[in-house]
PDB file of all heavy atoms in Angstrom:
ATOM      1  N   LEU A   1      97.601  89.418  89.310  1.00  0.00           N
ATOM      2  CA  LEU A   1      97.044  88.080  89.241  1.00  0.00           C
ATOM      3  C   LEU A   1      95.614  88.155  89.758  1.00  0.00           C
ATOM      4  O   LEU A   1      95.367  88.632  90.882  1.00  0.00           O
ATOM      5  CB  LEU A   1      97.870  87.110  90.081  1.00  0.00           C
ATOM      6  CG  LEU A   1      97.462  85.636  90.022  1.00  0.00           C
ATOM      7  CD1 LEU A   1      97.727  85.057  88.630  1.00  0.00           C
ATOM      8  CD2 LEU A   1      98.227  84.842  91.070  1.00  0.00           C
ATOM      9  N   VAL A   2      94.665  87.699  88.937  1.00  0.00           N
ATOM     10  CA  VAL A   2      93.254  87.750  89.291  1.00  0.00           C
ATOM     11  C   VAL A   2      92.666  86.350  89.187  1.00  0.00           C
ATOM     12  O   VAL A   2      92.780  85.699  88.134  1.00  0.00           O
ATOM     13  CB  VAL A   2      92.457  88.705  88.392  1.00  0.00           C
ATOM     14  CG1 VAL A   2      90.978  88.693  88.763  1.00  0.00           C
ATOM     15  CG2 VAL A   2      93.015  90.114  88.457  1.00  0.00           C
ATOM     16  N   ALA A   3      92.075  85.863  90.265  1.00  0.00           N
ATOM     17  CA  ALA A   3      91.385  84.560  90.266  1.00  0.00           C
ATOM     18  C   ALA A   3      89.894  84.796  90.475  1.00  0.00           C
ATOM     19  O   ALA A   3      89.507  85.568  91.358  1.00  0.00           O
ATOM     20  CB  ALA A   3      91.933  83.656  91.354  1.00  0.00           C
ATOM     21  N   ARG A   4      89.065  84.163  89.630  1.00  0.00           N
ATOM     22  CA  ARG A   4      87.603  84.297  89.745  1.00  0.00           C
ATOM     23  C   ARG A   4      87.001  82.908  89.856  1.00  0.00           C
ATOM     24  O   ARG A   4      87.448  81.965  89.220  1.00  0.00           O
ATOM     25  CB  ARG A   4      87.025  84.956  88.492  1.00  0.00           C
ATOM     26  CG  ARG A   4      87.506  86.345  88.220  1.00  0.00           C
ATOM     27  CD  ARG A   4      86.947  86.836  86.879  1.00  0.00           C
ATOM     28  NE  ARG A   4      87.556  88.056  86.464  1.00  0.00           N
ATOM     29  CZ  ARG A   4      87.050  89.268  86.654  1.00  0.00           C
ATOM     30  NH1 ARG A   4      85.879  89.362  87.260  1.00  0.00           N
ATOM     31  NH2 ARG A   4      87.657  90.344  86.253  1.00  0.00           N
ATOM     32  N   LEU A   5      85.947  82.820  90.657  1.00  0.00           N
ATOM     33  CA  LEU A   5      85.196  81.584  90.814  1.00  0.00           C
ATOM     34  C   LEU A   5      83.722  81.962  90.922  1.00  0.00           C
ATOM     35  O   LEU A   5      83.362  82.868  91.657  1.00  0.00           O
ATOM     36  CB  LEU A   5      85.653  80.845  92.062  1.00  0.00           C
ATOM     37  CG  LEU A   5      85.235  79.394  92.216  1.00  0.00           C
ATOM     38  CD1 LEU A   5      85.849  78.546  91.114  1.00  0.00           C
ATOM     39  CD2 LEU A   5      85.625  78.859  93.587  1.00  0.00           C
ATOM     40  N   GLU A   6      82.893  81.276  90.141  1.00  0.00           N
ATOM     41  CA  GLU A   6      81.476  81.594  90.122  1.00  0.00           C
ATOM     42  C   GLU A   6      80.660  80.302  90.054  1.00  0.00           C
ATOM     43  O   GLU A   6      81.013  79.380  89.312  1.00  0.00           O
ATOM     44  CB  GLU A   6      81.140  82.486  88.929  1.00  0.00           C
ATOM     45  CG  GLU A   6      79.678  82.875  88.840  1.00  0.00           C
ATOM     46  CD  GLU A   6      79.396  83.765  87.655  1.00  0.00           C
ATOM     47  OE1 GLU A   6      80.185  83.755  86.686  1.00  0.00           O
ATOM     48  OE2 GLU A   6      78.396  84.479  87.689  1.00  0.00           O
ATOM     49  N   THR A   7      79.597  80.246  90.836  1.00  0.00           N
ATOM     50  CA  THR A   7      78.705  79.111  90.773  1.00  0.00           C
ATOM     51  C   THR A   7      77.272  79.604  90.710  1.00  0.00           C
ATOM     52  O   THR A   7      76.917  80.600  91.332  1.00  0.00           O
ATOM     53  CB  THR A   7      78.899  78.150  91.957  1.00  0.00           C
ATOM     54  OG1 THR A   7      78.054  77.014  91.797  1.00  0.00           O
ATOM     55  CG2 THR A   7      78.601  78.828  93.268  1.00  0.00           C
ATOM     56  N   VAL A   8      76.453  78.911  89.924  1.00  0.00           N
ATOM     57  CA  VAL A   8      75.052  79.245  89.764  1.00  0.00           C
ATOM     58  C   VAL A   8      74.224  78.020  90.124  1.00  0.00           C
ATOM     59  O   VAL A   8      74.474  76.927  89.621  1.00  0.00           O
ATOM     60  CB  VAL A   8      74.725  79.688  88.321  1.00  0.00           C
ATOM     61  CG1 VAL A   8      73.246  79.977  88.165  1.00  0.00           C
ATOM     62  CG2 VAL A   8      75.561  80.903  87.955  1.00  0.00           C
ATOM     63  N   ILE A   9      73.284  78.215  91.036  1.00  0.00           N
ATOM     64  CA  ILE A   9      72.372  77.127  91.431  1.00  0.00           C
ATOM     65  C   ILE A   9      71.006  77.458  90.837  1.00  0.00           C
ATOM     66  O   ILE A   9      70.268  78.315  91.360  1.00  0.00           O
ATOM     67  CB  ILE A   9      72.297  77.012  92.976  1.00  0.00           C
ATOM     68  CG1 ILE A   9      73.703  76.821  93.541  1.00  0.00           C
ATOM     69  CG2 ILE A   9      71.390  75.853  93.379  1.00  0.00           C
ATOM     70  CD1 ILE A   9      73.802  76.947  95.038  1.00  0.00           C
ATOM     71  N   ASP A  10      70.687  76.836  89.715  1.00  0.00           N
ATOM     72  CA  ASP A  10      69.505  77.213  88.948  1.00  0.00           C
ATOM     73  C   ASP A  10      68.213  77.052  89.717  1.00  0.00           C
ATOM     74  O   ASP A  10      67.331  77.897  89.658  1.00  0.00           O
ATOM     75  CB  ASP A  10      69.429  76.417  87.635  1.00  0.00           C
ATOM     76  CG  ASP A  10      70.476  76.865  86.636  1.00  0.00           C
ATOM     77  OD1 ASP A  10      70.847  78.050  86.679  1.00  0.00           O
ATOM     78  OD2 ASP A  10      70.911  76.028  85.834  1.00  0.00           O
ATOM     79  N   TRP A  11      68.049  75.939  90.439  1.00  0.00           N
ATOM     80  CA  TRP A  11      66.759  75.653  91.049  1.00  0.00           C
ATOM     81  C   TRP A  11      66.401  76.646  92.150  1.00  0.00           C
ATOM     82  O   TRP A  11      65.221  76.871  92.442  1.00  0.00           O
ATOM     83  CB  TRP A  11      66.716  74.220  91.589  1.00  0.00           C
ATOM     84  CG  TRP A  11      67.749  73.928  92.635  1.00  0.00           C
ATOM     85  CD1 TRP A  11      68.976  73.398  92.441  1.00  0.00           C
ATOM     86  CD2 TRP A  11      67.614  74.128  94.050  1.00  0.00           C
ATOM     87  NE1 TRP A  11      69.641  73.264  93.623  1.00  0.00           N
ATOM     88  CE2 TRP A  11      68.818  73.685  94.644  1.00  0.00           C
ATOM     89  CE3 TRP A  11      66.606  74.609  94.872  1.00  0.00           C
ATOM     90  CZ2 TRP A  11      69.036  73.743  96.015  1.00  0.00           C
ATOM     91  CZ3 TRP A  11      66.816  74.664  96.247  1.00  0.00           C
ATOM     92  CH2 TRP A  11      68.016  74.222  96.796  1.00  0.00           C
ATOM     93  N   SER A  12      67.426  77.323  92.737  1.00  0.00           N
ATOM     94  CA  SER A  12      67.130  78.330  93.761  1.00  0.00           C
ATOM     95  C   SER A  12      67.401  79.747  93.285  1.00  0.00           C
ATOM     96  O   SER A  12      67.232  80.697  94.050  1.00  0.00           O
ATOM     97  CB  SER A  12      67.975  78.054  95.025  1.00  0.00           C
ATOM     98  OG  SER A  12      69.342  78.211  94.718  1.00  0.00           O
ATOM     99  N   ASP A  13      67.803  79.885  92.010  1.00  0.00           N
ATOM    100  CA  ASP A  13      68.103  81.210  91.442  1.00  0.00           C
ATOM    101  C   ASP A  13      69.154  81.931  92.279  1.00  0.00           C
ATOM    102  O   ASP A  13      69.008  83.125  92.583  1.00  0.00           O
ATOM    103  CB  ASP A  13      66.821  82.030  91.307  1.00  0.00           C
ATOM    104  CG  ASP A  13      66.944  83.089  90.220  1.00  0.00           C
ATOM    105  OD1 ASP A  13      67.958  83.094  89.499  1.00  0.00           O
ATOM    106  OD2 ASP A  13      66.034  83.925  90.107  1.00  0.00           O
ATOM    107  N   THR A  14      70.207  81.213  92.637  1.00  0.00           N
ATOM    108  CA  THR A  14      71.272  81.744  93.476  1.00  0.00           C
ATOM    109  C   THR A  14      72.575  81.779  92.679  1.00  0.00           C
ATOM    110  O   THR A  14      72.880  80.849  91.951  1.00  0.00           O
ATOM    111  CB  THR A  14      71.487  80.893  94.734  1.00  0.00           C
ATOM    112  OG1 THR A  14      70.252  80.833  95.443  1.00  0.00           O
ATOM    113  CG2 THR A  14      72.571  81.452  95.622  1.00  0.00           C
ATOM    114  N   ARG A  15      73.340  82.860  92.854  1.00  0.00           N
ATOM    115  CA  ARG A  15      74.652  82.960  92.219  1.00  0.00           C
ATOM    116  C   ARG A  15      75.660  83.456  93.246  1.00  0.00           C
ATOM    117  O   ARG A  15      75.425  84.441  93.950  1.00  0.00           O
ATOM    118  CB  ARG A  15      74.621  83.916  91.028  1.00  0.00           C
ATOM    119  CG  ARG A  15      75.954  84.010  90.291  1.00  0.00           C
ATOM    120  CD  ARG A  15      75.815  84.780  89.016  1.00  0.00           C
ATOM    121  NE  ARG A  15      75.522  86.160  89.236  1.00  0.00           N
ATOM    122  CZ  ARG A  15      76.431  87.135  89.381  1.00  0.00           C
ATOM    123  NH1 ARG A  15      77.715  86.822  89.349  1.00  0.00           N
ATOM    124  NH2 ARG A  15      76.071  88.360  89.578  1.00  0.00           N
ATOM    125  N   VAL A  16      76.794  82.770  93.338  1.00  0.00           N
ATOM    126  CA  VAL A  16      77.878  83.179  94.231  1.00  0.00           C
ATOM    127  C   VAL A  16      79.107  83.406  93.366  1.00  0.00           C
ATOM    128  O   VAL A  16      79.486  82.541  92.568  1.00  0.00           O
ATOM    129  CB  VAL A  16      78.167  82.108  95.312  1.00  0.00           C
ATOM    130  CG1 VAL A  16      79.306  82.566  96.196  1.00  0.00           C
ATOM    131  CG2 VAL A  16      76.934  81.822  96.135  1.00  0.00           C
ATOM    132  N   ALA A  17      79.715  84.567  93.520  1.00  0.00           N
ATOM    133  CA  ALA A  17      80.901  84.904  92.751  1.00  0.00           C
ATOM    134  C   ALA A  17      81.986  85.415  93.685  1.00  0.00           C
ATOM    135  O   ALA A  17      81.700  86.220  94.589  1.00  0.00           O
ATOM    136  CB  ALA A  17      80.589  85.970  91.690  1.00  0.00           C
ATOM    137  N   ALA A  18      83.207  84.955  93.504  1.00  0.00           N
ATOM    138  CA  ALA A  18      84.337  85.380  94.331  1.00  0.00           C
ATOM    139  C   ALA A  18      85.477  85.802  93.415  1.00  0.00           C
ATOM    140  O   ALA A  18      85.728  85.167  92.379  1.00  0.00           O
ATOM    141  CB  ALA A  18      84.775  84.242  95.262  1.00  0.00           C
ATOM    142  N   LEU A  19      86.145  86.881  93.800  1.00  0.00           N
ATOM    143  CA  LEU A  19      87.290  87.380  93.043  1.00  0.00           C
ATOM    144  C   LEU A  19      88.382  87.754  94.030  1.00  0.00           C
ATOM    145  O   LEU A  19      88.126  88.358  95.073  1.00  0.00           O
ATOM    146  CB  LEU A  19      86.901  88.606  92.230  1.00  0.00           C
ATOM    147  CG  LEU A  19      88.000  89.268  91.414  1.00  0.00           C
ATOM    148  CD1 LEU A  19      87.485  89.749  90.082  1.00  0.00           C
ATOM    149  CD2 LEU A  19      88.617  90.445  92.187  1.00  0.00           C
ATOM    150  N   CYS A  20      89.609  87.379  93.695  1.00  0.00           N
ATOM    151  CA  CYS A  20      90.775  87.776  94.474  1.00  0.00           C
ATOM    152  C   CYS A  20      91.812  88.341  93.522  1.00  0.00           C
ATOM    153  O   CYS A  20      92.084  87.733  92.470  1.00  0.00           O
ATOM    154  CB  CYS A  20      91.356  86.587  95.238  1.00  0.00           C
ATOM    155  SG  CYS A  20      92.747  87.050  96.290  1.00  0.00           S
ATOM    156  N   ARG A  21      92.364  89.494  93.866  1.00  0.00           N
ATOM    157  CA  ARG A  21      93.314  90.174  92.983  1.00  0.00           C
ATOM    158  C   ARG A  21      94.574  90.522  93.780  1.00  0.00           C
ATOM    159  O   ARG A  21      94.498  91.153  94.826  1.00  0.00           O
ATOM    160  CB  ARG A  21      92.688  91.434  92.419  1.00  0.00           C
ATOM    161  CG  ARG A  21      93.586  92.200  91.505  1.00  0.00           C
ATOM    162  CD  ARG A  21      92.858  93.396  90.911  1.00  0.00           C
ATOM    163  NE  ARG A  21      93.538  93.884  89.752  1.00  0.00           N
ATOM    164  CZ  ARG A  21      93.087  94.842  88.978  1.00  0.00           C
ATOM    165  NH1 ARG A  21      91.905  95.387  89.218  1.00  0.00           N
ATOM    166  NH2 ARG A  21      93.764  95.242  87.926  1.00  0.00           N
ATOM    167  N   LEU A  22      95.714  90.090  93.274  1.00  0.00           N
ATOM    168  CA  LEU A  22      97.005  90.398  93.883  1.00  0.00           C
ATOM    169  C   LEU A  22      97.820  91.166  92.846  1.00  0.00           C
ATOM    170  O   LEU A  22      97.910  90.750  91.697  1.00  0.00           O
ATOM    171  CB  LEU A  22      97.771  89.127  94.268  1.00  0.00           C
ATOM    172  CG  LEU A  22      97.030  88.091  95.098  1.00  0.00           C
ATOM    173  CD1 LEU A  22      97.818  86.814  95.190  1.00  0.00           C
ATOM    174  CD2 LEU A  22      96.738  88.638  96.490  1.00  0.00           C
ATOM    175  N   ASN A  23      98.409  92.288  93.266  1.00  0.00           N
ATOM    176  CA  ASN A  23      99.283  92.978  92.324  1.00  0.00           C
ATOM    177  C   ASN A  23     100.515  93.512  93.033  1.00  0.00           C
ATOM    178  O   ASN A  23     100.499  93.769  94.239  1.00  0.00           O
ATOM    179  CB  ASN A  23      98.554  94.078  91.523  1.00  0.00           C
ATOM    180  CG  ASN A  23      97.893  95.095  92.410  1.00  0.00           C
ATOM    181  OD1 ASN A  23      98.521  95.640  93.288  1.00  0.00           O
ATOM    182  ND2 ASN A  23      96.623  95.346  92.173  1.00  0.00           N
ATOM    183  N   ALA A  24     101.571  93.637  92.260  1.00  0.00           N
ATOM    184  CA  ALA A  24     102.852  94.146  92.769  1.00  0.00           C
ATOM    185  C   ALA A  24     103.374  95.183  91.783  1.00  0.00           C
ATOM    186  O   ALA A  24     103.316  94.994  90.558  1.00  0.00           O
ATOM    187  CB  ALA A  24     103.850  93.019  92.906  1.00  0.00           C
ATOM    188  N   LEU A  25     103.843  96.307  92.330  1.00  0.00           N
ATOM    189  CA  LEU A  25     104.368  97.408  91.531  1.00  0.00           C
ATOM    190  C   LEU A  25     105.818  97.613  91.956  1.00  0.00           C
ATOM    191  O   LEU A  25     106.101  97.851  93.135  1.00  0.00           O
ATOM    192  CB  LEU A  25     103.532  98.661  91.823  1.00  0.00           C
ATOM    193  CG  LEU A  25     103.746  99.894  90.984  1.00  0.00           C
ATOM    194  CD1 LEU A  25     103.250  99.638  89.551  1.00  0.00           C
ATOM    195  CD2 LEU A  25     102.979 101.066  91.590  1.00  0.00           C
ATOM    196  N   THR A  26     106.772  97.462  91.017  1.00  0.00           N
ATOM    197  CA  THR A  26     108.198  97.587  91.326  1.00  0.00           C
ATOM    198  C   THR A  26     108.799  98.702  90.486  1.00  0.00           C
ATOM    199  O   THR A  26     108.646  98.711  89.267  1.00  0.00           O
ATOM    200  CB  THR A  26     108.939  96.265  91.005  1.00  0.00           C
ATOM    201  OG1 THR A  26     108.311  95.198  91.742  1.00  0.00           O
ATOM    202  CG2 THR A  26     110.399  96.356  91.378  1.00  0.00           C
ATOM    203  N   ASP A  27     109.449  99.648  91.168  1.00  0.00           N
ATOM    204  CA  ASP A  27     110.025 100.764  90.420  1.00  0.00           C
ATOM    205  C   ASP A  27     111.265 100.303  89.650  1.00  0.00           C
ATOM    206  O   ASP A  27     111.978  99.392  90.038  1.00  0.00           O
ATOM    207  CB  ASP A  27     110.354 101.938  91.325  1.00  0.00           C
ATOM    208  CG  ASP A  27     111.527 101.658  92.271  1.00  0.00           C
ATOM    209  OD1 ASP A  27     111.786 100.462  92.541  1.00  0.00           O
ATOM    210  OD2 ASP A  27     112.162 102.597  92.743  1.00  0.00           O
ATOM    211  N   GLU A  28     111.447 100.925  88.484  1.00  0.00           N
ATOM    212  CA  GLU A  28     112.615 100.630  87.651  1.00  0.00           C
ATOM    213  C   GLU A  28     113.656 101.689  87.931  1.00  0.00           C
ATOM    214  O   GLU A  28     113.594 102.794  87.422  1.00  0.00           O
ATOM    215  CB  GLU A  28     112.201 100.630  86.184  1.00  0.00           C
ATOM    216  CG  GLU A  28     111.205  99.555  85.811  1.00  0.00           C
ATOM    217  CD  GLU A  28     110.829  99.612  84.343  1.00  0.00           C
ATOM    218  OE1 GLU A  28     111.053 100.636  83.698  1.00  0.00           O
ATOM    219  OE2 GLU A  28     110.309  98.608  83.851  1.00  0.00           O
ATOM    220  N   ARG A  29     114.634 101.348  88.745  1.00  0.00           N
ATOM    221  CA  ARG A  29     115.654 102.331  89.142  1.00  0.00           C
ATOM    222  C   ARG A  29     116.778 102.359  88.128  1.00  0.00           C
ATOM    223  O   ARG A  29     117.198 101.335  87.588  1.00  0.00           O
ATOM    224  CB  ARG A  29     116.204 102.008  90.528  1.00  0.00           C
ATOM    225  CG  ARG A  29     115.144 102.118  91.609  1.00  0.00           C
ATOM    226  CD  ARG A  29     115.778 102.216  92.974  1.00  0.00           C
ATOM    227  NE  ARG A  29     114.792 102.709  93.919  1.00  0.00           N
ATOM    228  CZ  ARG A  29     115.129 103.180  95.112  1.00  0.00           C
ATOM    229  NH1 ARG A  29     116.393 103.218  95.476  1.00  0.00           N
ATOM    230  NH2 ARG A  29     114.204 103.604  95.935  1.00  0.00           N
ATOM    231  N   SER A  30     117.282 103.561  87.885  1.00  0.00           N
ATOM    232  CA  SER A  30     118.435 103.707  87.016  1.00  0.00           C
ATOM    233  C   SER A  30     119.688 103.296  87.773  1.00  0.00           C
ATOM    234  O   SER A  30     119.699 103.255  89.002  1.00  0.00           O
ATOM    235  CB  SER A  30     118.545 105.164  86.539  1.00  0.00           C
ATOM    236  OG  SER A  30     118.857 105.989  87.662  1.00  0.00           O
ATOM    237  N   PRO A  31     120.784 102.970  87.059  1.00  0.00           N
ATOM    238  CA  PRO A  31     122.019 102.541  87.751  1.00  0.00           C
ATOM    239  C   PRO A  31     122.544 103.608  88.714  1.00  0.00           C
ATOM    240  O   PRO A  31     123.261 103.279  89.651  1.00  0.00           O
ATOM    241  CB  PRO A  31     123.008 102.318  86.580  1.00  0.00           C
ATOM    242  CG  PRO A  31     122.119 102.016  85.410  1.00  0.00           C
ATOM    243  CD  PRO A  31     120.882 102.857  85.608  1.00  0.00           C
ATOM    244  N   SER A  32     122.220 104.879  88.520  1.00  0.00           N
ATOM    245  CA  SER A  32     122.732 105.926  89.409  1.00  0.00           C
ATOM    246  C   SER A  32     121.962 105.991  90.729  1.00  0.00           C
ATOM    247  O   SER A  32     122.418 106.646  91.666  1.00  0.00           O
ATOM    248  CB  SER A  32     122.647 107.288  88.703  1.00  0.00           C
ATOM    249  OG  SER A  32     121.292 107.615  88.441  1.00  0.00           O
ATOM    250  N   GLN A  33     120.801 105.346  90.828  1.00  0.00           N
ATOM    251  CA  GLN A  33     120.027 105.379  92.063  1.00  0.00           C
ATOM    252  C   GLN A  33     120.498 104.306  93.005  1.00  0.00           C
ATOM    253  O   GLN A  33     120.718 103.153  92.593  1.00  0.00           O
ATOM    254  CB  GLN A  33     118.534 105.204  91.766  1.00  0.00           C
ATOM    255  CG  GLN A  33     117.917 106.389  91.027  1.00  0.00           C
ATOM    256  CD  GLN A  33     116.485 106.128  90.639  1.00  0.00           C
ATOM    257  OE1 GLN A  33     116.187 105.088  90.038  1.00  0.00           O
ATOM    258  NE2 GLN A  33     115.605 107.045  90.997  1.00  0.00           N
ATOM    259  N   ALA A  34     120.635 104.660  94.278  1.00  0.00           N
ATOM    260  CA  ALA A  34     121.152 103.724  95.259  1.00  0.00           C
ATOM    261  C   ALA A  34     120.032 102.844  95.819  1.00  0.00           C
ATOM    262  O   ALA A  34     118.879 103.248  95.842  1.00  0.00           O
ATOM    263  CB  ALA A  34     121.815 104.485  96.400  1.00  0.00           C
ATOM    264  N   GLY A  35     120.433 101.678  96.288  1.00  0.00           N
ATOM    265  CA  GLY A  35     119.486 100.805  96.968  1.00  0.00           C
ATOM    266  C   GLY A  35     118.742  99.879  96.030  1.00  0.00           C
ATOM    267  O   GLY A  35     118.727 100.085  94.804  1.00  0.00           O
ATOM    268  N   PRO A  36     118.112  98.855  96.592  1.00  0.00           N
ATOM    269  CA  PRO A  36     117.362  97.917  95.765  1.00  0.00           C
ATOM    270  C   PRO A  36     116.053  98.543  95.281  1.00  0.00           C
ATOM    271  O   PRO A  36     115.567  99.498  95.863  1.00  0.00           O
ATOM    272  CB  PRO A  36     117.098  96.753  96.734  1.00  0.00           C
ATOM    273  CG  PRO A  36     117.077  97.395  98.069  1.00  0.00           C
ATOM    274  CD  PRO A  36     118.086  98.505  98.023  1.00  0.00           C
ATOM    275  N   PRO A  37     115.465  97.987  94.230  1.00  0.00           N
ATOM    276  CA  PRO A  37     114.168  98.508  93.755  1.00  0.00           C
ATOM    277  C   PRO A  37     113.105  98.368  94.823  1.00  0.00           C
ATOM    278  O   PRO A  37     113.114  97.407  95.609  1.00  0.00           O
ATOM    279  CB  PRO A  37     113.838  97.623  92.545  1.00  0.00           C
ATOM    280  CG  PRO A  37     115.141  97.037  92.131  1.00  0.00           C
ATOM    281  CD  PRO A  37     115.966  96.917  93.367  1.00  0.00           C
ATOM    282  N   ARG A  38     112.195  99.329  94.911  1.00  0.00           N
ATOM    283  CA  ARG A  38     111.089  99.280  95.871  1.00  0.00           C
ATOM    284  C   ARG A  38     109.906  98.539  95.233  1.00  0.00           C
ATOM    285  O   ARG A  38     109.572  98.754  94.089  1.00  0.00           O
ATOM    286  CB  ARG A  38     110.662 100.686  96.237  1.00  0.00           C
ATOM    287  CG  ARG A  38     111.718 101.442  97.041  1.00  0.00           C
ATOM    288  CD  ARG A  38     111.325 102.886  97.179  1.00  0.00           C
ATOM    289  NE  ARG A  38     111.285 103.527  95.872  1.00  0.00           N
ATOM    290  CZ  ARG A  38     110.783 104.728  95.661  1.00  0.00           C
ATOM    291  NH1 ARG A  38     110.246 105.414  96.629  1.00  0.00           N
ATOM    292  NH2 ARG A  38     110.793 105.245  94.442  1.00  0.00           N
ATOM    293  N   THR A  39     109.278  97.679  96.018  1.00  0.00           N
ATOM    294  CA  THR A  39     108.086  96.931  95.560  1.00  0.00           C
ATOM    295  C   THR A  39     106.939  97.204  96.507  1.00  0.00           C
ATOM    296  O   THR A  39     107.101  97.162  97.712  1.00  0.00           O
ATOM    297  CB  THR A  39     108.388  95.428  95.488  1.00  0.00           C
ATOM    298  OG1 THR A  39     109.438  95.192  94.573  1.00  0.00           O
ATOM    299  CG2 THR A  39     107.164  94.670  95.027  1.00  0.00           C
ATOM    300  N   SER A  40     105.796  97.489  95.923  1.00  0.00           N
ATOM    301  CA  SER A  40     104.593  97.694  96.696  1.00  0.00           C
ATOM    302  C   SER A  40     103.574  96.662  96.254  1.00  0.00           C
ATOM    303  O   SER A  40     103.365  96.452  95.048  1.00  0.00           O
ATOM    304  CB  SER A  40     104.046  99.109  96.471  1.00  0.00           C
ATOM    305  OG  SER A  40     102.813  99.278  97.137  1.00  0.00           O
ATOM    306  N   THR A  41     102.926  95.996  97.194  1.00  0.00           N
ATOM    307  CA  THR A  41     101.930  94.972  96.860  1.00  0.00           C
ATOM    308  C   THR A  41     100.569  95.374  97.396  1.00  0.00           C
ATOM    309  O   THR A  41     100.454  96.134  98.365  1.00  0.00           O
ATOM    310  CB  THR A  41     102.328  93.602  97.430  1.00  0.00           C
ATOM    311  OG1 THR A  41     102.424  93.698  98.847  1.00  0.00           O
ATOM    312  CG2 THR A  41     103.644  93.124  96.849  1.00  0.00           C
ATOM    313  N   ALA A  42      99.540  94.843  96.801  1.00  0.00           N
ATOM    314  CA  ALA A  42      98.170  95.110  97.224  1.00  0.00           C
ATOM    315  C   ALA A  42      97.316  93.884  96.969  1.00  0.00           C
ATOM    316  O   ALA A  42      97.579  93.111  96.048  1.00  0.00           O
ATOM    317  CB  ALA A  42      97.594  96.317  96.488  1.00  0.00           C
ATOM    318  N   THR A  43      96.325  93.685  97.806  1.00  0.00           N
ATOM    319  CA  THR A  43      95.390  92.570  97.660  1.00  0.00           C
ATOM    320  C   THR A  43      93.976  93.129  97.659  1.00  0.00           C
ATOM    321  O   THR A  43      93.643  93.945  98.515  1.00  0.00           O
ATOM    322  CB  THR A  43      95.537  91.568  98.832  1.00  0.00           C
ATOM    323  OG1 THR A  43      96.871  91.106  98.887  1.00  0.00           O
ATOM    324  CG2 THR A  43      94.623  90.386  98.638  1.00  0.00           C
ATOM    325  N   ARG A  44      93.164  92.690  96.713  1.00  0.00           N
ATOM    326  CA  ARG A  44      91.758  93.085  96.646  1.00  0.00           C
ATOM    327  C   ARG A  44      90.915  91.816  96.610  1.00  0.00           C
ATOM    328  O   ARG A  44      91.336  90.779  96.069  1.00  0.00           O
ATOM    329  CB  ARG A  44      91.463  93.902  95.395  1.00  0.00           C
ATOM    330  CG  ARG A  44      92.257  95.182  95.241  1.00  0.00           C
ATOM    331  CD  ARG A  44      91.685  96.268  96.105  1.00  0.00           C
ATOM    332  NE  ARG A  44      92.007  97.588  95.583  1.00  0.00           N
ATOM    333  CZ  ARG A  44      93.104  98.265  95.891  1.00  0.00           C
ATOM    334  NH1 ARG A  44      93.994  97.734  96.697  1.00  0.00           N
ATOM    335  NH2 ARG A  44      93.313  99.458  95.401  1.00  0.00           N
ATOM    336  N   PHE A  45      89.706  91.881  97.166  1.00  0.00           N
ATOM    337  CA  PHE A  45      88.815  90.730  97.073  1.00  0.00           C
ATOM    338  C   PHE A  45      87.381  91.234  96.978  1.00  0.00           C
ATOM    339  O   PHE A  45      87.056  92.361  97.361  1.00  0.00           O
ATOM    340  CB  PHE A  45      88.962  89.791  98.272  1.00  0.00           C
ATOM    341  CG  PHE A  45      88.491  90.404  99.568  1.00  0.00           C
ATOM    342  CD1 PHE A  45      87.168  90.273  99.967  1.00  0.00           C
ATOM    343  CD2 PHE A  45      89.358  91.118 100.364  1.00  0.00           C
ATOM    344  CE1 PHE A  45      86.715  90.831 101.161  1.00  0.00           C
ATOM    345  CE2 PHE A  45      88.932  91.677 101.558  1.00  0.00           C
ATOM    346  CZ  PHE A  45      87.614  91.537 101.953  1.00  0.00           C
ATOM    347  N   ASP A  46      86.537  90.387  96.420  1.00  0.00           N
ATOM    348  CA  ASP A  46      85.108  90.716  96.273  1.00  0.00           C
ATOM    349  C   ASP A  46      84.344  89.384  96.272  1.00  0.00           C
ATOM    350  O   ASP A  46      84.573  88.532  95.425  1.00  0.00           O
ATOM    351  CB  ASP A  46      84.875  91.459  94.961  1.00  0.00           C
ATOM    352  CG  ASP A  46      83.440  91.930  94.787  1.00  0.00           C
ATOM    353  OD1 ASP A  46      82.644  91.785  95.746  1.00  0.00           O
ATOM    354  OD2 ASP A  46      83.097  92.439  93.712  1.00  0.00           O
TER     355      ASP A  46
END
């Protein structure tokens, strides 16, 4: 999931941009593997 927000203020020639990224990676376990699926999450921002 990526959210972006950008604003430009023309009279001052200013630009502000923000990005936030959330992701989750879940392994697909076969029926022979024990335990619940493992999930790893990460957050990035700029």
